[in-house]
Amino acid sequence: MRNPLYFSPVSVATFFFSIAFAGAIPTSAFAEELPNVFDSSIAQSVYSEGRTTIPGLTWEGDGAEPSFTIEGLKNGKPGARVSGVFDSKNAGTLLFSSEVIQRAQYKGDSSHFTVLIPLTGRKTPVKVKYIDDYGNLGTQDIEIVYENFYQFQTDQLSNKRKLNFDFGASVSYLDYKQTSAGGDQVKISQIGFTPKAGLTYNYSDKLDFGISTFITAAGLPISKTPDGLSTPRFYGVNLRVGYKVYSLKTGNIYLMTGPYFWGMIVPPSPNGLNYGVVKLSGPQLFVVGRFLTPTGRTAVGYIKAASILDGEGGMFSNREFALGAAYQLTPISAKRRFMGNLDFASAKFIVAGETIQLDSISLGISTSF
């Protein structure tokens, strides 16, 4: 008769530097959750191309092309501020027309002006108009491109919060195999429903800390070998720290690391056979990319490698690899974002002379508060 395998968790002090990053996460030993990376600076670039064609008007920017800075309007939407020099200010009117018509505001008696243009989307067409004292009209069309337009209002709210809460659930297919040194095997395939929750502390726009937990609420067995085995449930706690290492035009890349603790809850089997893992632990490392699509929705991808310190034969012989992706399900105009997650994972380790293989695929949904 097998006894359930028991392994002590790694010392939390060893990983004191590794508190979690950005909410719900994929858990070691099976695909469960995707890093919901909080990102307030994704795709902050705002630009337009083209020199002025209006006589006397010169943009303040590299190569005399318009340069913009983003400011929040009273309605919570973004506006783009542009500045320049207009030598003909005393002989006419300079207007900027997008969603509304804005008159250029001059700095004292100088020819320097500034104007805050309300943005209407990722791309905002703007018509620059000059009307002289004789009624003659000169125009120039420019287009302001702000990659982060659809995230701006949500991020304005998120930036005010140091803490973010993540909640979600997933349905997973798990294939568990436990083989003794003598060749006896326990095999279980099942569908599991797993709620999850996480807490994130946003220390800065680059560094976040957090913690997440999960537990299988219910398992539906598909097959069991031998007959008479009880149905297992899984639980886990993850601590991580994440740091933004690279910024792209429409995305950011993160490195994340920290310890995990997970195990199995296995009721007594009708056939009297005990199996499973009570506790396991180890470090994990993620590379995560978060991107903004052309439609303004968020897409996330990650790869993960984790080591199981309690296994025999060294940390590199007892490991898990995982990969996954998520996509924003809700439209960009929705007040709350829901992400759909798809994850794959495979873990293999040897403990007390027994080899354990755990493979899974998980489909879930999550949101943040």
Protein backbone atom coordinates (compact mmCIF):
# COMPACT_ATOMS: atom_id res chain seq x y z
CA MET A 1 0.00 0.00 0.00
CA ARG A 2 1.38 3.40 -0.95
CA ASN A 3 1.53 6.22 1.53
CA PRO A 4 0.89 9.79 0.41
CA LEU A 5 4.17 11.56 -0.36
CA TYR A 6 5.01 14.43 1.97
CA PHE A 7 7.60 17.12 1.30
CA SER A 8 8.33 20.19 3.41
CA PRO A 9 7.92 23.57 1.71
CA VAL A 10 11.05 25.58 1.01
CA SER A 11 11.81 28.24 3.58
CA VAL A 12 9.93 31.44 2.90
CA ALA A 13 12.94 33.40 4.12
CA THR A 14 14.99 31.94 1.27
CA PHE A 15 12.63 33.68 -1.15
CA PHE A 16 11.86 36.78 0.87
CA PHE A 17 12.73 38.89 -2.16
CA SER A 18 10.23 37.02 -4.34
CA ILE A 19 6.79 38.38 -3.63
CA ALA A 20 4.23 37.94 -6.39
CA PHE A 21 3.62 40.02 -9.47
CA ALA A 22 0.28 41.12 -10.88
CA GLY A 23 -2.44 38.89 -9.60
CA ALA A 24 -3.47 35.45 -10.72
CA ILE A 25 -0.65 33.27 -12.03
CA PRO A 26 0.03 29.90 -13.62
CA THR A 27 0.70 27.41 -10.85
CA SER A 28 3.50 24.94 -10.75
CA ALA A 29 2.64 21.35 -11.63
CA PHE A 30 -0.32 22.18 -13.85
CA ALA A 31 -1.57 24.97 -16.09
CA GLU A 32 -4.02 26.97 -14.09
CA GLU A 33 -3.76 30.74 -14.33
CA LEU A 34 -2.18 33.36 -16.53
CA PRO A 35 -0.24 36.35 -15.16
CA ASN A 36 -2.69 39.24 -15.32
CA VAL A 37 0.09 41.76 -15.67
CA PHE A 38 -0.95 45.19 -14.46
CA ASP A 39 0.48 47.63 -16.98
CA SER A 40 -0.10 51.36 -16.82
CA SER A 41 2.55 52.32 -19.37
CA ILE A 42 1.92 50.00 -22.30
CA ALA A 43 2.10 51.78 -25.67
CA GLN A 44 2.48 55.31 -24.39
CA SER A 45 3.82 56.60 -27.72
CA VAL A 46 1.90 59.39 -29.42
CA TYR A 47 3.01 60.74 -32.74
CA SER A 48 2.15 62.40 -36.04
CA GLU A 49 4.17 62.90 -39.18
CA GLY A 50 4.63 65.76 -41.58
CA ARG A 51 5.98 69.29 -41.57
CA THR A 52 3.62 72.21 -41.58
CA THR A 53 2.31 73.57 -44.86
CA ILE A 54 0.83 76.75 -43.34
CA PRO A 55 3.08 79.80 -43.84
CA GLY A 56 4.51 81.12 -40.58
CA LEU A 57 3.66 77.98 -38.57
CA THR A 58 6.52 75.92 -37.11
CA TRP A 59 5.96 72.88 -34.87
CA GLU A 60 8.01 72.35 -31.72
CA GLY A 61 9.46 68.90 -32.26
CA ASP A 62 12.31 66.95 -33.80
CA GLY A 63 12.82 67.98 -37.40
CA ALA A 64 10.09 70.62 -37.06
CA GLU A 65 7.48 67.84 -36.91
CA PRO A 66 4.71 68.02 -34.27
CA SER A 67 5.55 66.61 -30.84
CA PHE A 68 2.76 65.69 -28.40
CA THR A 69 2.31 65.07 -24.69
CA ILE A 70 -0.74 63.29 -23.26
CA GLU A 71 -2.93 64.93 -20.60
CA GLY A 72 -6.14 63.78 -18.98
CA LEU A 73 -9.26 65.82 -19.74
CA LYS A 74 -12.03 66.53 -17.22
CA ASN A 75 -14.17 63.78 -18.78
CA GLY A 76 -11.41 61.22 -18.13
CA LYS A 77 -10.43 60.92 -21.79
CA PRO A 78 -6.96 61.70 -23.16
CA GLY A 79 -5.94 64.88 -24.93
CA ALA A 80 -2.76 65.60 -26.87
CA ARG A 81 -0.95 68.88 -26.25
CA VAL A 82 1.05 70.33 -29.12
CA SER A 83 3.10 73.53 -29.22
CA GLY A 84 4.75 75.65 -31.85
CA VAL A 85 5.50 79.10 -33.16
CA PHE A 86 3.13 81.08 -35.40
CA ASP A 87 4.59 84.35 -36.67
CA SER A 88 1.30 85.51 -38.17
CA LYS A 89 -0.70 85.52 -34.96
CA ASN A 90 -1.55 89.21 -35.21
CA ALA A 91 -2.88 88.83 -38.72
CA GLY A 92 -5.39 86.04 -38.32
CA THR A 93 -6.67 83.11 -36.27
CA LEU A 94 -5.16 79.63 -35.81
CA LEU A 95 -7.68 76.83 -35.11
CA PHE A 96 -7.42 73.08 -34.48
CA SER A 97 -10.50 71.02 -35.29
CA SER A 98 -11.02 67.41 -34.14
CA GLU A 99 -13.97 66.53 -31.89
CA VAL A 100 -14.26 70.22 -31.05
CA ILE A 101 -12.66 73.38 -32.43
CA GLN A 102 -9.78 74.69 -30.32
CA ARG A 103 -8.17 78.11 -30.68
CA ALA A 104 -4.40 78.27 -30.22
CA GLN A 105 -3.42 79.84 -26.88
CA TYR A 106 -0.41 82.14 -27.02
CA LYS A 107 2.21 82.61 -24.33
CA GLY A 108 2.13 86.28 -23.45
CA ASP A 109 3.11 88.57 -26.33
CA SER A 110 5.32 85.97 -27.99
CA SER A 111 4.49 83.92 -31.06
CA HIS A 112 4.70 80.68 -29.11
CA PHE A 113 1.39 78.85 -28.78
CA THR A 114 0.02 75.68 -27.23
CA VAL A 115 -3.24 73.81 -27.69
CA LEU A 116 -4.77 70.72 -26.04
CA ILE A 117 -6.55 68.59 -28.64
CA PRO A 118 -9.20 66.08 -27.45
CA LEU A 119 -8.51 62.63 -28.90
CA THR A 120 -11.34 60.57 -30.38
CA GLY A 121 -9.64 57.21 -30.89
CA ARG A 122 -6.36 55.47 -31.51
CA LYS A 123 -6.06 57.68 -34.60
CA THR A 124 -7.50 61.19 -34.41
CA PRO A 125 -7.70 63.26 -37.62
CA VAL A 126 -7.11 66.95 -36.96
CA LYS A 127 -7.61 69.84 -39.37
CA VAL A 128 -5.37 72.84 -38.71
CA LYS A 129 -6.96 76.05 -40.03
CA TYR A 130 -5.54 79.53 -40.47
CA ILE A 131 -7.90 82.39 -41.27
CA ASP A 132 -6.28 85.74 -42.01
CA ASP A 133 -7.86 89.16 -41.56
CA TYR A 134 -9.11 89.09 -45.15
CA GLY A 135 -10.99 85.82 -44.69
CA ASN A 136 -8.50 83.71 -46.63
CA LEU A 137 -8.33 80.12 -45.35
CA GLY A 138 -5.28 77.91 -45.14
CA THR A 139 -5.56 74.31 -43.94
CA GLN A 140 -3.38 71.32 -43.13
CA ASP A 141 -4.55 67.82 -42.20
CA ILE A 142 -2.60 65.90 -39.55
CA GLU A 143 -3.34 62.63 -37.78
CA ILE A 144 -2.46 62.03 -34.13
CA VAL A 145 -1.77 58.36 -33.35
CA TYR A 146 -1.99 57.38 -29.67
CA GLU A 147 -1.49 53.64 -29.27
CA ASN A 148 -2.73 53.63 -25.67
CA PHE A 149 -6.03 55.45 -26.29
CA TYR A 150 -8.27 52.52 -25.32
CA GLN A 151 -6.38 51.80 -22.12
CA PHE A 152 -6.04 55.38 -20.97
CA GLN A 153 -9.29 55.71 -19.01
CA THR A 154 -8.89 52.34 -17.28
CA ASP A 155 -5.26 53.08 -16.44
CA GLN A 156 -6.21 56.48 -15.05
CA LEU A 157 -8.30 54.64 -12.46
CA SER A 158 -5.74 51.87 -11.92
CA ASN A 159 -2.91 54.32 -11.33
CA LYS A 160 -4.80 55.72 -8.34
CA ARG A 161 -4.85 52.30 -6.68
CA LYS A 162 -1.80 50.75 -5.09
CA LEU A 163 -3.67 47.47 -4.57
CA ASN A 164 -5.44 45.41 -7.22
CA PHE A 165 -7.55 42.31 -6.63
CA ASP A 166 -7.81 39.52 -9.21
CA PHE A 167 -10.52 36.88 -9.36
CA GLY A 168 -11.19 34.10 -11.84
CA ALA A 169 -11.96 30.46 -12.47
CA SER A 170 -10.83 27.79 -14.89
CA VAL A 171 -11.80 24.38 -16.20
CA SER A 172 -8.81 22.07 -16.58
CA TYR A 173 -8.09 18.65 -18.01
CA LEU A 174 -5.43 16.88 -15.90
CA ASP A 175 -3.56 13.65 -16.52
CA TYR A 176 -1.79 12.36 -13.38
CA LYS A 177 0.58 9.35 -13.28
CA GLN A 178 2.48 8.02 -10.26
CA THR A 179 4.86 5.09 -10.82
CA SER A 180 6.62 3.18 -8.04
CA ALA A 181 10.13 1.76 -8.27
CA GLY A 182 8.55 -1.66 -8.75
CA GLY A 183 6.51 -0.51 -11.74
CA ASP A 184 3.08 -0.20 -10.08
CA GLN A 185 1.10 2.74 -11.42
CA VAL A 186 -1.66 5.08 -10.37
CA LYS A 187 -3.30 6.82 -13.33
CA ILE A 188 -6.03 9.44 -13.12
CA SER A 189 -7.55 11.64 -15.80
CA GLN A 190 -10.08 14.23 -14.69
CA ILE A 191 -11.78 17.55 -15.35
CA GLY A 192 -11.37 20.10 -12.55
CA PHE A 193 -13.09 23.39 -11.73
CA THR A 194 -10.72 25.79 -9.97
CA PRO A 195 -11.51 29.22 -8.45
CA LYS A 196 -8.54 31.54 -7.89
CA ALA A 197 -7.79 34.89 -6.28
CA GLY A 198 -4.84 37.24 -6.11
CA LEU A 199 -3.63 40.51 -4.59
CA THR A 200 -1.12 42.84 -6.27
CA TYR A 201 0.76 45.80 -4.83
CA ASN A 202 1.87 48.24 -7.53
CA TYR A 203 5.12 49.63 -6.16
CA SER A 204 5.95 51.53 -9.36
CA ASP A 205 5.29 51.41 -13.09
CA LYS A 206 8.07 48.82 -13.37
CA LEU A 207 7.96 46.84 -10.12
CA ASP A 208 4.97 44.98 -8.64
CA PHE A 209 4.53 42.52 -5.75
CA GLY A 210 1.70 40.15 -4.95
CA ILE A 211 0.30 36.82 -3.85
CA SER A 212 -2.22 34.43 -5.39
CA THR A 213 -4.01 31.25 -4.32
CA PHE A 214 -6.11 28.55 -5.96
CA ILE A 215 -7.93 25.36 -5.02
CA THR A 216 -9.81 22.77 -7.05
CA ALA A 217 -13.42 23.12 -5.93
CA ALA A 218 -14.61 19.99 -7.73
CA GLY A 219 -13.12 17.21 -9.83
CA LEU A 220 -14.91 15.02 -12.37
CA PRO A 221 -12.98 11.78 -13.00
CA ILE A 222 -12.75 10.51 -16.57
CA SER A 223 -10.65 7.40 -15.93
CA LYS A 224 -8.85 5.78 -12.97
CA THR A 225 -6.33 2.95 -12.74
CA PRO A 226 -6.67 0.88 -10.62
CA ASP A 227 -10.39 1.02 -9.90
CA GLY A 228 -11.57 2.34 -6.56
CA LEU A 229 -9.32 5.42 -6.38
CA SER A 230 -10.63 8.62 -4.80
CA THR A 231 -10.70 11.87 -6.81
CA PRO A 232 -7.90 14.35 -5.94
CA ARG A 233 -8.10 18.11 -5.58
CA PHE A 234 -5.19 20.54 -5.96
CA TYR A 235 -4.27 23.68 -4.00
CA GLY A 236 -1.46 26.20 -4.13
CA VAL A 237 0.00 29.53 -3.03
CA ASN A 238 2.34 31.62 -5.18
CA LEU A 239 4.60 34.54 -4.23
CA ARG A 240 6.33 36.56 -6.91
CA VAL A 241 8.11 39.76 -7.89
CA GLY A 242 8.01 41.11 -11.43
CA TYR A 243 10.03 43.76 -13.23
CA LYS A 244 9.50 45.37 -16.61
CA VAL A 245 12.71 44.80 -18.56
CA TYR A 246 11.85 46.07 -22.02
CA SER A 247 9.33 48.45 -23.59
CA LEU A 248 7.98 48.14 -27.11
CA LYS A 249 5.85 50.52 -29.16
CA THR A 250 2.68 48.57 -28.33
CA GLY A 251 3.76 46.33 -25.47
CA ASN A 252 6.08 45.51 -22.58
CA ILE A 253 8.23 42.53 -21.60
CA TYR A 254 8.56 41.35 -17.98
CA LEU A 255 10.69 38.96 -15.96
CA MET A 256 8.95 37.44 -12.94
CA THR A 257 10.21 35.09 -10.25
CA GLY A 258 9.32 33.74 -6.83
CA PRO A 259 8.48 30.59 -4.86
CA TYR A 260 5.42 28.39 -5.13
CA PHE A 261 3.82 25.92 -2.72
CA TRP A 262 1.30 23.36 -3.96
CA GLY A 263 -0.12 20.00 -3.06
CA MET A 264 -3.00 17.55 -3.36
CA ILE A 265 -6.01 16.80 -1.17
CA VAL A 266 -6.76 13.10 -1.59
CA PRO A 267 -9.64 11.54 0.39
CA PRO A 268 -9.28 7.89 1.49
CA SER A 269 -9.75 5.61 -1.52
CA PRO A 270 -12.41 2.86 -1.41
CA ASN A 271 -9.74 0.36 -2.49
CA GLY A 272 -7.51 1.38 0.44
CA LEU A 273 -4.71 2.72 -1.78
CA ASN A 274 -3.13 6.02 -0.76
CA TYR A 275 -1.39 8.20 -3.35
CA GLY A 276 -0.59 11.82 -4.16
CA VAL A 277 1.60 14.68 -2.98
CA VAL A 278 0.87 16.51 0.26
CA LYS A 279 3.26 19.44 -0.31
CA LEU A 280 5.86 20.50 -2.86
CA SER A 281 7.75 23.75 -3.40
CA GLY A 282 10.41 25.47 -5.46
CA PRO A 283 11.33 28.56 -7.51
CA GLN A 284 9.76 29.62 -10.79
CA LEU A 285 10.76 32.01 -13.58
CA PHE A 286 8.47 33.67 -16.15
CA VAL A 287 8.99 35.69 -19.30
CA VAL A 288 5.76 37.60 -19.95
CA GLY A 289 4.74 39.84 -22.83
CA ARG A 290 1.72 42.12 -22.69
CA PHE A 291 0.58 43.79 -25.91
CA LEU A 292 -2.07 46.13 -27.28
CA THR A 293 -3.79 44.90 -30.46
CA PRO A 294 -4.79 47.24 -33.33
CA THR A 295 -8.39 47.07 -32.05
CA GLY A 296 -7.32 48.30 -28.60
CA ARG A 297 -7.77 44.99 -26.77
CA THR A 298 -5.08 43.45 -24.58
CA ALA A 299 -3.21 40.24 -25.44
CA VAL A 300 -0.77 38.45 -23.12
CA GLY A 301 1.65 35.55 -23.62
CA TYR A 302 4.10 33.82 -21.29
CA ILE A 303 6.53 30.94 -20.92
CA LYS A 304 7.53 29.49 -17.55
CA ALA A 305 10.13 27.15 -16.11
CA ALA A 306 9.92 25.90 -12.51
CA SER A 307 12.08 23.62 -10.42
CA ILE A 308 10.88 21.23 -7.71
CA LEU A 309 13.40 21.40 -4.88
CA ASP A 310 11.93 18.43 -3.00
CA GLY A 311 12.63 15.98 -5.84
CA GLU A 312 15.50 13.50 -6.11
CA GLY A 313 18.35 13.93 -8.59
CA GLY A 314 18.70 17.71 -8.42
CA MET A 315 16.53 20.69 -9.24
CA PHE A 316 17.07 20.40 -13.00
CA SER A 317 15.79 16.81 -13.06
CA ASN A 318 12.56 17.79 -11.31
CA ARG A 319 10.89 20.50 -13.32
CA GLU A 320 7.83 21.98 -14.92
CA PHE A 321 7.46 23.88 -18.18
CA ALA A 322 4.38 25.88 -19.13
CA LEU A 323 3.17 28.32 -21.72
CA GLY A 324 -0.05 30.22 -22.16
CA ALA A 325 -1.88 33.17 -23.62
CA ALA A 326 -4.80 35.44 -22.81
CA TYR A 327 -7.00 37.77 -24.80
CA GLN A 328 -9.39 40.49 -23.71
CA LEU A 329 -12.93 39.20 -24.25
CA THR A 330 -14.86 42.36 -23.46
CA PRO A 331 -15.09 45.28 -25.90
CA ILE A 332 -12.83 48.25 -25.38
CA SER A 333 -15.79 50.35 -24.24
CA ALA A 334 -16.70 47.97 -21.38
CA LYS A 335 -16.30 49.29 -17.84
CA ARG A 336 -14.67 46.04 -16.70
CA ARG A 337 -12.22 43.87 -18.61
CA PHE A 338 -12.52 40.11 -18.70
CA MET A 339 -9.63 38.03 -19.99
CA GLY A 340 -9.92 34.56 -21.50
CA ASN A 341 -6.94 32.32 -20.66
CA LEU A 342 -5.53 29.19 -22.33
CA ASP A 343 -2.60 27.38 -20.66
CA PHE A 344 -0.53 24.22 -21.13
CA ALA A 345 1.83 22.66 -18.56
CA SER A 346 3.89 19.53 -18.03
CA ALA A 347 5.69 18.54 -14.81
CA LYS A 348 7.86 15.53 -13.98
CA PHE A 349 9.69 14.74 -10.74
CA ILE A 350 11.02 11.84 -8.67
CA VAL A 351 10.46 11.64 -4.92
CA ALA A 352 10.89 8.74 -2.50
CA GLY A 353 11.65 6.49 -5.45
CA GLU A 354 8.35 7.30 -7.16
CA THR A 355 8.08 9.07 -10.52
CA ILE A 356 5.22 11.52 -10.96
CA GLN A 357 4.09 13.00 -14.27
CA LEU A 358 1.39 15.67 -14.41
CA ASP A 359 0.15 17.21 -17.68
CA SER A 360 -2.70 19.65 -18.10
CA ILE A 361 -4.56 22.06 -20.30
CA SER A 362 -6.67 24.83 -18.79
CA LEU A 363 -9.30 27.25 -20.11
CA GLY A 364 -10.36 30.09 -17.84
CA ILE A 365 -11.64 33.62 -17.38
CA SER A 366 -10.44 36.35 -15.01
CA THR A 367 -10.95 39.99 -14.10
CA SER A 368 -9.48 42.64 -11.79
CA PHE A 369 -10.91 45.06 -9.25
